[in-house]
Amino acid sequence: MCAIIQSIFQDHPCYRAIKKSLAANDRQKLFLELNSTVGTLEKKRKEERMDELIKHLQLRGCFPAA
């Protein structure tokens, strides 16, 4: 999952906060950080991958369902 997050957010201002919440295993903060980036990624494909990532994590029970 870290590689996926890196490929999507590497140049994004929130990347450091996302990495910190992931390293701390803080699911709530990670969910907040990922959702705060919606609509801010420069490429449509990255937006789609981020959406897929959030949905995948919700299905696995890591995040609350939307």
N, C-alpha and C. Protein backbone atom coordinates (compact mmCIF):
# COMPACT_ATOMS: atom_id res chain seq x y z
N MET A 1 0.81 -1.18 0.00
CA MET A 1 0.00 0.00 0.00
C MET A 1 0.86 1.26 0.00
N CYS A 2 2.01 1.20 0.63
CA CYS A 2 2.89 2.38 0.67
C CYS A 2 3.32 2.80 -0.72
N ALA A 3 3.61 1.83 -1.58
CA ALA A 3 4.02 2.15 -2.95
C ALA A 3 2.89 2.81 -3.73
N ILE A 4 1.67 2.37 -3.50
CA ILE A 4 0.51 2.97 -4.17
C ILE A 4 0.34 4.40 -3.70
N ILE A 5 0.40 4.62 -2.40
CA ILE A 5 0.26 5.97 -1.85
C ILE A 5 1.37 6.87 -2.38
N GLN A 6 2.58 6.37 -2.42
CA GLN A 6 3.70 7.16 -2.93
C GLN A 6 3.48 7.53 -4.40
N SER A 7 3.02 6.58 -5.21
CA SER A 7 2.84 6.86 -6.63
C SER A 7 1.75 7.90 -6.87
N ILE A 8 0.78 7.98 -6.00
CA ILE A 8 -0.32 8.93 -6.16
C ILE A 8 0.05 10.30 -5.59
N PHE A 9 0.65 10.33 -4.40
CA PHE A 9 0.80 11.58 -3.65
C PHE A 9 2.21 12.12 -3.53
N GLN A 10 3.18 11.51 -4.16
CA GLN A 10 4.58 11.87 -3.96
C GLN A 10 4.85 13.38 -4.05
N ASP A 11 4.23 14.07 -4.98
CA ASP A 11 4.48 15.50 -5.15
C ASP A 11 3.38 16.37 -4.54
N HIS A 12 2.50 15.78 -3.77
CA HIS A 12 1.38 16.51 -3.19
C HIS A 12 1.77 17.09 -1.84
N PRO A 13 1.28 18.29 -1.52
CA PRO A 13 1.62 18.90 -0.21
C PRO A 13 1.20 18.06 0.99
N CYS A 14 0.20 17.23 0.86
CA CYS A 14 -0.28 16.40 1.98
C CYS A 14 0.49 15.09 2.13
N TYR A 15 1.43 14.82 1.25
CA TYR A 15 2.12 13.52 1.25
C TYR A 15 2.78 13.22 2.60
N ARG A 16 3.43 14.21 3.18
CA ARG A 16 4.13 13.98 4.46
C ARG A 16 3.13 13.61 5.56
N ALA A 17 2.01 14.33 5.62
CA ALA A 17 0.99 14.03 6.64
C ALA A 17 0.38 12.65 6.41
N ILE A 18 0.21 12.28 5.16
CA ILE A 18 -0.32 10.95 4.83
C ILE A 18 0.66 9.88 5.29
N LYS A 19 1.94 10.07 5.00
CA LYS A 19 2.97 9.10 5.43
C LYS A 19 3.03 8.99 6.95
N LYS A 20 2.95 10.12 7.65
CA LYS A 20 3.01 10.09 9.11
C LYS A 20 1.83 9.34 9.70
N SER A 21 0.63 9.58 9.16
CA SER A 21 -0.54 8.89 9.71
C SER A 21 -0.49 7.39 9.39
N LEU A 22 0.05 7.05 8.24
CA LEU A 22 0.21 5.64 7.88
C LEU A 22 1.24 4.97 8.79
N ALA A 23 2.36 5.64 9.03
CA ALA A 23 3.41 5.09 9.90
C ALA A 23 2.92 4.93 11.34
N ALA A 24 2.05 5.83 11.77
CA ALA A 24 1.52 5.77 13.13
C ALA A 24 0.32 4.83 13.23
N ASN A 25 -0.07 4.25 12.09
CA ASN A 25 -1.23 3.36 12.02
C ASN A 25 -2.48 4.07 12.55
N ASP A 26 -2.57 5.36 12.23
CA ASP A 26 -3.70 6.19 12.64
C ASP A 26 -4.71 6.21 11.49
N ARG A 27 -5.64 5.26 11.50
CA ARG A 27 -6.59 5.12 10.40
C ARG A 27 -7.48 6.34 10.23
N GLN A 28 -7.90 6.90 11.34
CA GLN A 28 -8.79 8.06 11.28
C GLN A 28 -8.10 9.25 10.61
N LYS A 29 -6.87 9.51 11.00
CA LYS A 29 -6.11 10.62 10.40
C LYS A 29 -5.80 10.32 8.93
N LEU A 30 -5.45 9.09 8.62
CA LEU A 30 -5.18 8.73 7.23
C LEU A 30 -6.42 8.94 6.37
N PHE A 31 -7.58 8.52 6.87
CA PHE A 31 -8.84 8.72 6.15
C PHE A 31 -9.09 10.21 5.92
N LEU A 32 -8.87 11.01 6.94
CA LEU A 32 -9.06 12.46 6.83
C LEU A 32 -8.09 13.05 5.80
N GLU A 33 -6.84 12.66 5.87
CA GLU A 33 -5.84 13.19 4.93
C GLU A 33 -6.15 12.79 3.49
N LEU A 34 -6.51 11.53 3.28
CA LEU A 34 -6.82 11.08 1.92
C LEU A 34 -8.04 11.82 1.38
N ASN A 35 -9.06 11.97 2.19
CA ASN A 35 -10.26 12.67 1.74
C ASN A 35 -10.01 14.15 1.50
N SER A 36 -9.05 14.73 2.20
CA SER A 36 -8.76 16.16 2.01
C SER A 36 -8.09 16.43 0.66
N THR A 37 -7.58 15.39 0.02
CA THR A 37 -6.91 15.58 -1.26
C THR A 37 -7.85 15.43 -2.45
N VAL A 38 -9.10 15.07 -2.21
CA VAL A 38 -10.06 14.89 -3.30
C VAL A 38 -10.18 16.19 -4.09
N GLY A 39 -10.00 16.09 -5.40
CA GLY A 39 -10.10 17.24 -6.29
C GLY A 39 -8.85 18.09 -6.37
N THR A 40 -7.78 17.67 -5.69
CA THR A 40 -6.56 18.49 -5.69
C THR A 40 -5.40 17.86 -6.47
N LEU A 41 -5.60 16.65 -6.95
CA LEU A 41 -4.52 16.00 -7.70
C LEU A 41 -4.51 16.51 -9.14
N GLU A 42 -3.30 16.64 -9.69
CA GLU A 42 -3.15 17.27 -10.99
C GLU A 42 -3.58 16.40 -12.17
N LYS A 43 -3.64 15.11 -11.98
CA LYS A 43 -4.00 14.21 -13.08
C LYS A 43 -5.25 13.42 -12.75
N LYS A 44 -6.12 13.28 -13.73
CA LYS A 44 -7.37 12.56 -13.54
C LYS A 44 -7.10 11.11 -13.12
N ARG A 45 -6.09 10.49 -13.71
CA ARG A 45 -5.76 9.10 -13.37
C ARG A 45 -5.38 8.96 -11.90
N LYS A 46 -4.67 9.94 -11.35
CA LYS A 46 -4.31 9.90 -9.93
C LYS A 46 -5.56 10.03 -9.06
N GLU A 47 -6.49 10.88 -9.47
CA GLU A 47 -7.76 11.01 -8.75
C GLU A 47 -8.50 9.68 -8.74
N GLU A 48 -8.52 9.01 -9.89
CA GLU A 48 -9.20 7.72 -9.99
C GLU A 48 -8.53 6.68 -9.11
N ARG A 49 -7.20 6.66 -9.10
CA ARG A 49 -6.47 5.69 -8.27
C ARG A 49 -6.69 5.96 -6.79
N MET A 50 -6.74 7.25 -6.41
CA MET A 50 -7.00 7.59 -5.02
C MET A 50 -8.40 7.13 -4.62
N ASP A 51 -9.37 7.36 -5.49
CA ASP A 51 -10.74 6.93 -5.22
C ASP A 51 -10.80 5.41 -5.06
N GLU A 52 -10.11 4.69 -5.93
CA GLU A 52 -10.06 3.22 -5.84
C GLU A 52 -9.41 2.79 -4.53
N LEU A 53 -8.35 3.47 -4.12
CA LEU A 53 -7.66 3.15 -2.87
C LEU A 53 -8.59 3.33 -1.67
N ILE A 54 -9.30 4.46 -1.62
CA ILE A 54 -10.22 4.71 -0.50
C ILE A 54 -11.32 3.64 -0.48
N LYS A 55 -11.88 3.33 -1.63
CA LYS A 55 -12.94 2.30 -1.70
C LYS A 55 -12.41 0.95 -1.25
N HIS A 56 -11.19 0.61 -1.68
CA HIS A 56 -10.57 -0.67 -1.29
C HIS A 56 -10.40 -0.73 0.24
N LEU A 57 -9.93 0.35 0.82
CA LEU A 57 -9.72 0.38 2.27
C LEU A 57 -11.05 0.33 3.02
N GLN A 58 -12.09 0.94 2.46
CA GLN A 58 -13.41 0.88 3.08
C GLN A 58 -13.95 -0.55 3.04
N LEU A 59 -13.76 -1.23 1.91
CA LEU A 59 -14.24 -2.61 1.79
C LEU A 59 -13.52 -3.54 2.76
N ARG A 60 -12.26 -3.25 3.05
CA ARG A 60 -11.50 -4.09 3.98
C ARG A 60 -11.79 -3.73 5.43
N GLY A 61 -12.63 -2.72 5.64
CA GLY A 61 -13.00 -2.34 7.00
C GLY A 61 -12.01 -1.40 7.67
N CYS A 62 -11.09 -0.84 6.91
CA CYS A 62 -10.10 0.07 7.48
C CYS A 62 -10.69 1.46 7.73
N PHE A 63 -11.66 1.85 6.90
CA PHE A 63 -12.29 3.16 6.99
C PHE A 63 -13.79 2.98 7.06
N PRO A 64 -14.48 3.99 7.57
CA PRO A 64 -15.95 3.92 7.54
C PRO A 64 -16.47 4.00 6.12
N ALA A 65 -17.53 3.31 5.85
CA ALA A 65 -18.14 3.34 4.51
C ALA A 65 -18.74 4.72 4.26
N ALA A 66 -18.67 5.14 3.01
CA ALA A 66 -19.20 6.47 2.65
C ALA A 66 -20.71 6.44 2.60
